[in-house]
Amino acid sequence: MKDRLEIVASGFGGQGVVRLGQVLGEAAVKEGLRVTMLKSHGTEMRGGYVRSQVVLSPKTIDSPMCENPDFFVALSSAAYNRFKDTVPQEGLILFDPAFVEEIDAKLPCAQRELPAKQLALDNFGRVIFSNSIALGAMARLLEGQLKKEGILESLLEIIPKFHQENRDAFEIGYNYMN
């Protein structure tokens, strides 16, 4: 693992962006890592701008700011446009095409579509599980980076509400990243 792994998730209020960051952080703590998380949102949570920044490290974290995110989860066009240029060449932008309509093909980093909203609608008939799908996708990506398996299970232990639906949604996102 790198000494520092940075994750930024951003979108609009009501999508579970802050919860996504919290759950990733809690799961990383369960995996024995040091974690910081910052959140930012507008004056109105639902519908307003929201961002979470998570830093994971096996060592002491000197700054909680994500300046060059290894992973950026973009859940709105405004978020994509705001943070796309911060992702380094070796980083990855994971975006939901239901919310991010136009992609900048000139970026040096990899970009991958994660149709979380559509997958949630297709599998559960409700958009509410799209952030659980994004968590599953991030679990798969983090396993590769951290060289640890079991992150999916750590994530599932954290959210007891609608446990089976969350398990199913996590697994959909996790398997989507194959």
C-alpha atoms as a PDB file:
ATOM      1  CA  MET A   1       0.000   0.000   0.000  1.00  0.00           C
ATOM      2  CA  LYS A   2       1.056   3.566  -0.607  1.00  0.00           C
ATOM      3  CA  ASP A   3       1.806   5.656   2.471  1.00  0.00           C
ATOM      4  CA  ARG A   4      -1.307   7.699   1.755  1.00  0.00           C
ATOM      5  CA  LEU A   5      -4.500   6.934  -0.169  1.00  0.00           C
ATOM      6  CA  GLU A   6      -6.877   9.822  -0.886  1.00  0.00           C
ATOM      7  CA  ILE A   7     -10.569   9.461  -1.767  1.00  0.00           C
ATOM      8  CA  VAL A   8     -12.931  12.302  -2.680  1.00  0.00           C
ATOM      9  CA  ALA A   9     -16.662  11.775  -3.160  1.00  0.00           C
ATOM     10  CA  SER A  10     -18.840  14.669  -4.223  1.00  0.00           C
ATOM     11  CA  GLY A  11     -22.342  15.296  -5.451  1.00  0.00           C
ATOM     12  CA  PHE A  12     -25.445  16.895  -4.030  1.00  0.00           C
ATOM     13  CA  GLY A  13     -27.252  16.501  -0.723  1.00  0.00           C
ATOM     14  CA  GLY A  14     -29.405  13.421  -0.321  1.00  0.00           C
ATOM     15  CA  GLN A  15     -27.139  11.090  -2.303  1.00  0.00           C
ATOM     16  CA  GLY A  16     -25.332   9.735   0.753  1.00  0.00           C
ATOM     17  CA  VAL A  17     -21.964  11.323  -0.095  1.00  0.00           C
ATOM     18  CA  VAL A  18     -21.076  12.083   3.540  1.00  0.00           C
ATOM     19  CA  ARG A  19     -22.249   8.652   4.665  1.00  0.00           C
ATOM     20  CA  LEU A  20     -20.156   7.060   1.898  1.00  0.00           C
ATOM     21  CA  GLY A  21     -17.052   8.766   3.312  1.00  0.00           C
ATOM     22  CA  GLN A  22     -17.936   7.839   6.891  1.00  0.00           C
ATOM     23  CA  VAL A  23     -18.480   4.184   6.070  1.00  0.00           C
ATOM     24  CA  LEU A  24     -15.255   3.940   4.026  1.00  0.00           C
ATOM     25  CA  GLY A  25     -13.384   5.487   6.940  1.00  0.00           C
ATOM     26  CA  GLU A  26     -14.939   3.175   9.521  1.00  0.00           C
ATOM     27  CA  ALA A  27     -14.212   0.120   7.390  1.00  0.00           C
ATOM     28  CA  ALA A  28     -10.580   1.215   6.977  1.00  0.00           C
ATOM     29  CA  VAL A  29     -10.245   1.586  10.759  1.00  0.00           C
ATOM     30  CA  LYS A  30     -11.549  -1.983  11.119  1.00  0.00           C
ATOM     31  CA  GLU A  31      -8.824  -3.016   8.669  1.00  0.00           C
ATOM     32  CA  GLY A  32      -6.182  -1.453  10.946  1.00  0.00           C
ATOM     33  CA  LEU A  33      -5.543   1.755   9.004  1.00  0.00           C
ATOM     34  CA  ARG A  34      -5.354   5.328  10.193  1.00  0.00           C
ATOM     35  CA  VAL A  35      -8.099   7.517   8.782  1.00  0.00           C
ATOM     36  CA  THR A  36      -9.130  11.145   8.491  1.00  0.00           C
ATOM     37  CA  MET A  37     -12.345  12.424   6.991  1.00  0.00           C
ATOM     38  CA  LEU A  38     -13.499  15.915   6.155  1.00  0.00           C
ATOM     39  CA  LYS A  39     -16.956  16.799   4.957  1.00  0.00           C
ATOM     40  CA  SER A  40     -18.299  19.916   3.344  1.00  0.00           C
ATOM     41  CA  HIS A  41     -21.825  20.815   2.402  1.00  0.00           C
ATOM     42  CA  GLY A  42     -23.899  23.836   1.549  1.00  0.00           C
ATOM     43  CA  THR A  43     -26.394  25.444   3.893  1.00  0.00           C
ATOM     44  CA  GLU A  44     -29.078  23.027   2.734  1.00  0.00           C
ATOM     45  CA  MET A  45     -28.116  19.377   2.941  1.00  0.00           C
ATOM     46  CA  ARG A  46     -30.685  17.954   0.555  1.00  0.00           C
ATOM     47  CA  GLY A  47     -30.039  19.184  -2.972  1.00  0.00           C
ATOM     48  CA  GLY A  48     -27.045  21.362  -2.074  1.00  0.00           C
ATOM     49  CA  TYR A  49     -23.347  20.790  -2.729  1.00  0.00           C
ATOM     50  CA  VAL A  50     -21.735  17.986  -0.682  1.00  0.00           C
ATOM     51  CA  ARG A  51     -18.200  16.582  -0.521  1.00  0.00           C
ATOM     52  CA  SER A  52     -16.385  14.077   1.657  1.00  0.00           C
ATOM     53  CA  GLN A  53     -12.620  13.596   1.697  1.00  0.00           C
ATOM     54  CA  VAL A  54     -11.095  10.478   3.196  1.00  0.00           C
ATOM     55  CA  VAL A  55      -7.401   9.804   3.718  1.00  0.00           C
ATOM     56  CA  LEU A  56      -6.228   6.264   4.555  1.00  0.00           C
ATOM     57  CA  SER A  57      -2.728   5.348   5.684  1.00  0.00           C
ATOM     58  CA  PRO A  58      -0.840   2.726   7.664  1.00  0.00           C
ATOM     59  CA  LYS A  59       1.146   5.665   9.134  1.00  0.00           C
ATOM     60  CA  THR A  60       0.269   8.877  10.925  1.00  0.00           C
ATOM     61  CA  ILE A  61      -1.644  11.238   8.627  1.00  0.00           C
ATOM     62  CA  ASP A  62      -0.106  14.692   8.524  1.00  0.00           C
ATOM     63  CA  SER A  63      -2.958  16.461   6.708  1.00  0.00           C
ATOM     64  CA  PRO A  64      -6.621  15.500   6.198  1.00  0.00           C
ATOM     65  CA  MET A  65      -6.845  17.430   2.912  1.00  0.00           C
ATOM     66  CA  CYS A  66      -7.121  15.519  -0.365  1.00  0.00           C
ATOM     67  CA  GLU A  67      -5.055  17.436  -2.888  1.00  0.00           C
ATOM     68  CA  ASN A  68      -4.373  14.626  -5.387  1.00  0.00           C
ATOM     69  CA  PRO A  69      -7.113  12.027  -4.918  1.00  0.00           C
ATOM     70  CA  ASP A  70      -6.341   8.473  -5.939  1.00  0.00           C
ATOM     71  CA  PHE A  71     -10.094   7.977  -6.324  1.00  0.00           C
ATOM     72  CA  PHE A  72     -12.758  10.540  -7.095  1.00  0.00           C
ATOM     73  CA  VAL A  73     -16.415   9.471  -6.999  1.00  0.00           C
ATOM     74  CA  ALA A  74     -18.365  12.053  -9.034  1.00  0.00           C
ATOM     75  CA  LEU A  75     -22.108  12.039  -8.454  1.00  0.00           C
ATOM     76  CA  SER A  76     -22.954  15.326 -10.187  1.00  0.00           C
ATOM     77  CA  SER A  77     -21.684  17.351 -13.139  1.00  0.00           C
ATOM     78  CA  ALA A  78     -20.810  20.256 -10.841  1.00  0.00           C
ATOM     79  CA  ALA A  79     -18.717  17.932  -8.659  1.00  0.00           C
ATOM     80  CA  TYR A  80     -17.028  16.380 -11.677  1.00  0.00           C
ATOM     81  CA  ASN A  81     -16.107  19.775 -13.090  1.00  0.00           C
ATOM     82  CA  ARG A  82     -14.884  21.033  -9.713  1.00  0.00           C
ATOM     83  CA  PHE A  83     -12.519  18.119  -8.902  1.00  0.00           C
ATOM     84  CA  LYS A  84     -11.633  16.429 -12.214  1.00  0.00           C
ATOM     85  CA  ASP A  85      -8.368  18.333 -12.563  1.00  0.00           C
ATOM     86  CA  THR A  86      -7.164  17.318  -9.094  1.00  0.00           C
ATOM     87  CA  VAL A  87      -6.934  13.614  -9.958  1.00  0.00           C
ATOM     88  CA  PRO A  88      -3.366  12.647 -10.945  1.00  0.00           C
ATOM     89  CA  GLN A  89      -2.490  10.508 -13.956  1.00  0.00           C
ATOM     90  CA  GLU A  90      -2.410   7.317 -11.874  1.00  0.00           C
ATOM     91  CA  GLY A  91      -5.771   8.158 -10.253  1.00  0.00           C
ATOM     92  CA  LEU A  92      -9.305   7.100 -11.168  1.00  0.00           C
ATOM     93  CA  ILE A  93     -12.524   9.032 -11.587  1.00  0.00           C
ATOM     94  CA  LEU A  94     -15.603   6.913 -10.958  1.00  0.00           C
ATOM     95  CA  PHE A  95     -18.674   8.728 -12.276  1.00  0.00           C
ATOM     96  CA  ASP A  96     -22.391   8.068 -12.483  1.00  0.00           C
ATOM     97  CA  PRO A  97     -23.578   8.837 -16.046  1.00  0.00           C
ATOM     98  CA  ALA A  98     -27.063   9.624 -14.722  1.00  0.00           C
ATOM     99  CA  PHE A  99     -25.591  12.768 -13.168  1.00  0.00           C
ATOM    100  CA  VAL A 100     -22.373  13.425 -15.101  1.00  0.00           C
ATOM    101  CA  GLU A 101     -23.364  13.960 -18.699  1.00  0.00           C
ATOM    102  CA  GLU A 102     -20.137  15.288 -20.220  1.00  0.00           C
ATOM    103  CA  ILE A 103     -16.722  13.702 -19.665  1.00  0.00           C
ATOM    104  CA  ASP A 104     -13.412  15.461 -20.276  1.00  0.00           C
ATOM    105  CA  ALA A 105     -11.525  13.044 -22.544  1.00  0.00           C
ATOM    106  CA  LYS A 106      -8.327  15.104 -22.255  1.00  0.00           C
ATOM    107  CA  LEU A 107      -7.737  14.181 -18.608  1.00  0.00           C
ATOM    108  CA  PRO A 108      -4.601  12.081 -18.025  1.00  0.00           C
ATOM    109  CA  CYS A 109      -6.267   9.856 -15.406  1.00  0.00           C
ATOM    110  CA  ALA A 110      -8.509   6.842 -15.968  1.00  0.00           C
ATOM    111  CA  GLN A 111     -12.265   7.415 -15.914  1.00  0.00           C
ATOM    112  CA  ARG A 112     -14.806   4.694 -15.349  1.00  0.00           C
ATOM    113  CA  GLU A 113     -18.551   4.732 -15.520  1.00  0.00           C
ATOM    114  CA  LEU A 114     -20.495   3.404 -12.535  1.00  0.00           C
ATOM    115  CA  PRO A 115     -24.234   3.628 -13.296  1.00  0.00           C
ATOM    116  CA  ALA A 116     -25.159   3.393  -9.600  1.00  0.00           C
ATOM    117  CA  LYS A 117     -28.501   5.165  -9.951  1.00  0.00           C
ATOM    118  CA  GLN A 118     -29.607   2.919 -12.812  1.00  0.00           C
ATOM    119  CA  LEU A 119     -28.347  -0.238 -11.096  1.00  0.00           C
ATOM    120  CA  ALA A 120     -30.277   0.727  -7.955  1.00  0.00           C
ATOM    121  CA  LEU A 121     -33.453   1.327  -9.947  1.00  0.00           C
ATOM    122  CA  ASP A 122     -33.055  -1.890 -11.955  1.00  0.00           C
ATOM    123  CA  ASN A 123     -32.376  -4.082  -8.914  1.00  0.00           C
ATOM    124  CA  PHE A 124     -34.365  -2.443  -6.107  1.00  0.00           C
ATOM    125  CA  GLY A 125     -36.773  -0.027  -7.768  1.00  0.00           C
ATOM    126  CA  ARG A 126     -35.350   2.729  -5.537  1.00  0.00           C
ATOM    127  CA  VAL A 127     -32.479   5.153  -5.995  1.00  0.00           C
ATOM    128  CA  ILE A 128     -31.672   5.074  -2.270  1.00  0.00           C
ATOM    129  CA  PHE A 129     -29.329   2.113  -2.745  1.00  0.00           C
ATOM    130  CA  SER A 130     -27.086   3.853  -5.278  1.00  0.00           C
ATOM    131  CA  ASN A 131     -24.624   4.959  -2.581  1.00  0.00           C
ATOM    132  CA  SER A 132     -24.407   1.343  -1.343  1.00  0.00           C
ATOM    133  CA  ILE A 133     -23.573   0.317  -4.903  1.00  0.00           C
ATOM    134  CA  ALA A 134     -20.857   2.992  -4.975  1.00  0.00           C
ATOM    135  CA  LEU A 135     -19.525   1.661  -1.650  1.00  0.00           C
ATOM    136  CA  GLY A 136     -19.310  -1.836  -3.105  1.00  0.00           C
ATOM    137  CA  ALA A 137     -17.403  -0.495  -6.101  1.00  0.00           C
ATOM    138  CA  MET A 138     -15.024   1.372  -3.803  1.00  0.00           C
ATOM    139  CA  ALA A 139     -14.550  -1.773  -1.699  1.00  0.00           C
ATOM    140  CA  ARG A 140     -13.371  -3.643  -4.802  1.00  0.00           C
ATOM    141  CA  LEU A 141     -11.012  -0.813  -5.767  1.00  0.00           C
ATOM    142  CA  LEU A 142      -9.644  -0.480  -2.231  1.00  0.00           C
ATOM    143  CA  GLU A 143      -8.997  -4.210  -1.938  1.00  0.00           C
ATOM    144  CA  GLY A 144      -6.703  -3.887  -4.929  1.00  0.00           C
ATOM    145  CA  GLN A 145      -4.931  -0.860  -3.486  1.00  0.00           C
ATOM    146  CA  LEU A 146      -4.702  -2.106   0.098  1.00  0.00           C
ATOM    147  CA  LYS A 147      -3.931  -5.708  -0.858  1.00  0.00           C
ATOM    148  CA  LYS A 148      -6.570  -6.811   1.648  1.00  0.00           C
ATOM    149  CA  GLU A 149      -9.711  -8.818   1.177  1.00  0.00           C
ATOM    150  CA  GLY A 150     -12.671  -8.482   3.487  1.00  0.00           C
ATOM    151  CA  ILE A 151     -13.324  -4.787   3.093  1.00  0.00           C
ATOM    152  CA  LEU A 152     -16.772  -5.621   1.731  1.00  0.00           C
ATOM    153  CA  GLU A 153     -17.587  -7.481   4.949  1.00  0.00           C
ATOM    154  CA  SER A 154     -16.238  -4.624   7.074  1.00  0.00           C
ATOM    155  CA  LEU A 155     -18.522  -2.248   5.209  1.00  0.00           C
ATOM    156  CA  LEU A 156     -21.539  -4.488   5.685  1.00  0.00           C
ATOM    157  CA  GLU A 157     -20.975  -4.720   9.443  1.00  0.00           C
ATOM    158  CA  ILE A 158     -21.221  -0.946   9.766  1.00  0.00           C
ATOM    159  CA  ILE A 159     -24.708  -0.426   8.313  1.00  0.00           C
ATOM    160  CA  PRO A 160     -27.332  -2.655   9.940  1.00  0.00           C
ATOM    161  CA  LYS A 161     -30.443  -0.912   8.522  1.00  0.00           C
ATOM    162  CA  PHE A 162     -31.842  -2.744   5.488  1.00  0.00           C
ATOM    163  CA  HIS A 163     -28.941  -5.150   5.898  1.00  0.00           C
ATOM    164  CA  GLN A 164     -29.894  -7.609   3.161  1.00  0.00           C
ATOM    165  CA  GLU A 165     -30.642  -4.878   0.625  1.00  0.00           C
ATOM    166  CA  ASN A 166     -27.357  -3.163   1.473  1.00  0.00           C
ATOM    167  CA  ARG A 167     -25.519  -6.478   1.133  1.00  0.00           C
ATOM    168  CA  ASP A 168     -27.095  -6.991  -2.272  1.00  0.00           C
ATOM    169  CA  ALA A 169     -26.336  -3.417  -3.364  1.00  0.00           C
ATOM    170  CA  PHE A 170     -22.719  -3.637  -2.151  1.00  0.00           C
ATOM    171  CA  GLU A 171     -22.255  -6.873  -4.042  1.00  0.00           C
ATOM    172  CA  ILE A 172     -23.715  -5.350  -7.218  1.00  0.00           C
ATOM    173  CA  GLY A 173     -21.208  -2.486  -7.040  1.00  0.00           C
ATOM    174  CA  TYR A 174     -18.386  -4.803  -6.013  1.00  0.00           C
ATOM    175  CA  ASN A 175     -19.027  -7.181  -8.920  1.00  0.00           C
ATOM    176  CA  TYR A 176     -19.550  -4.317 -11.364  1.00  0.00           C
ATOM    177  CA  MET A 177     -15.903  -3.331 -10.900  1.00  0.00           C
ATOM    178  CA  ASN A 178     -14.619  -6.689 -12.234  1.00  0.00           C
END
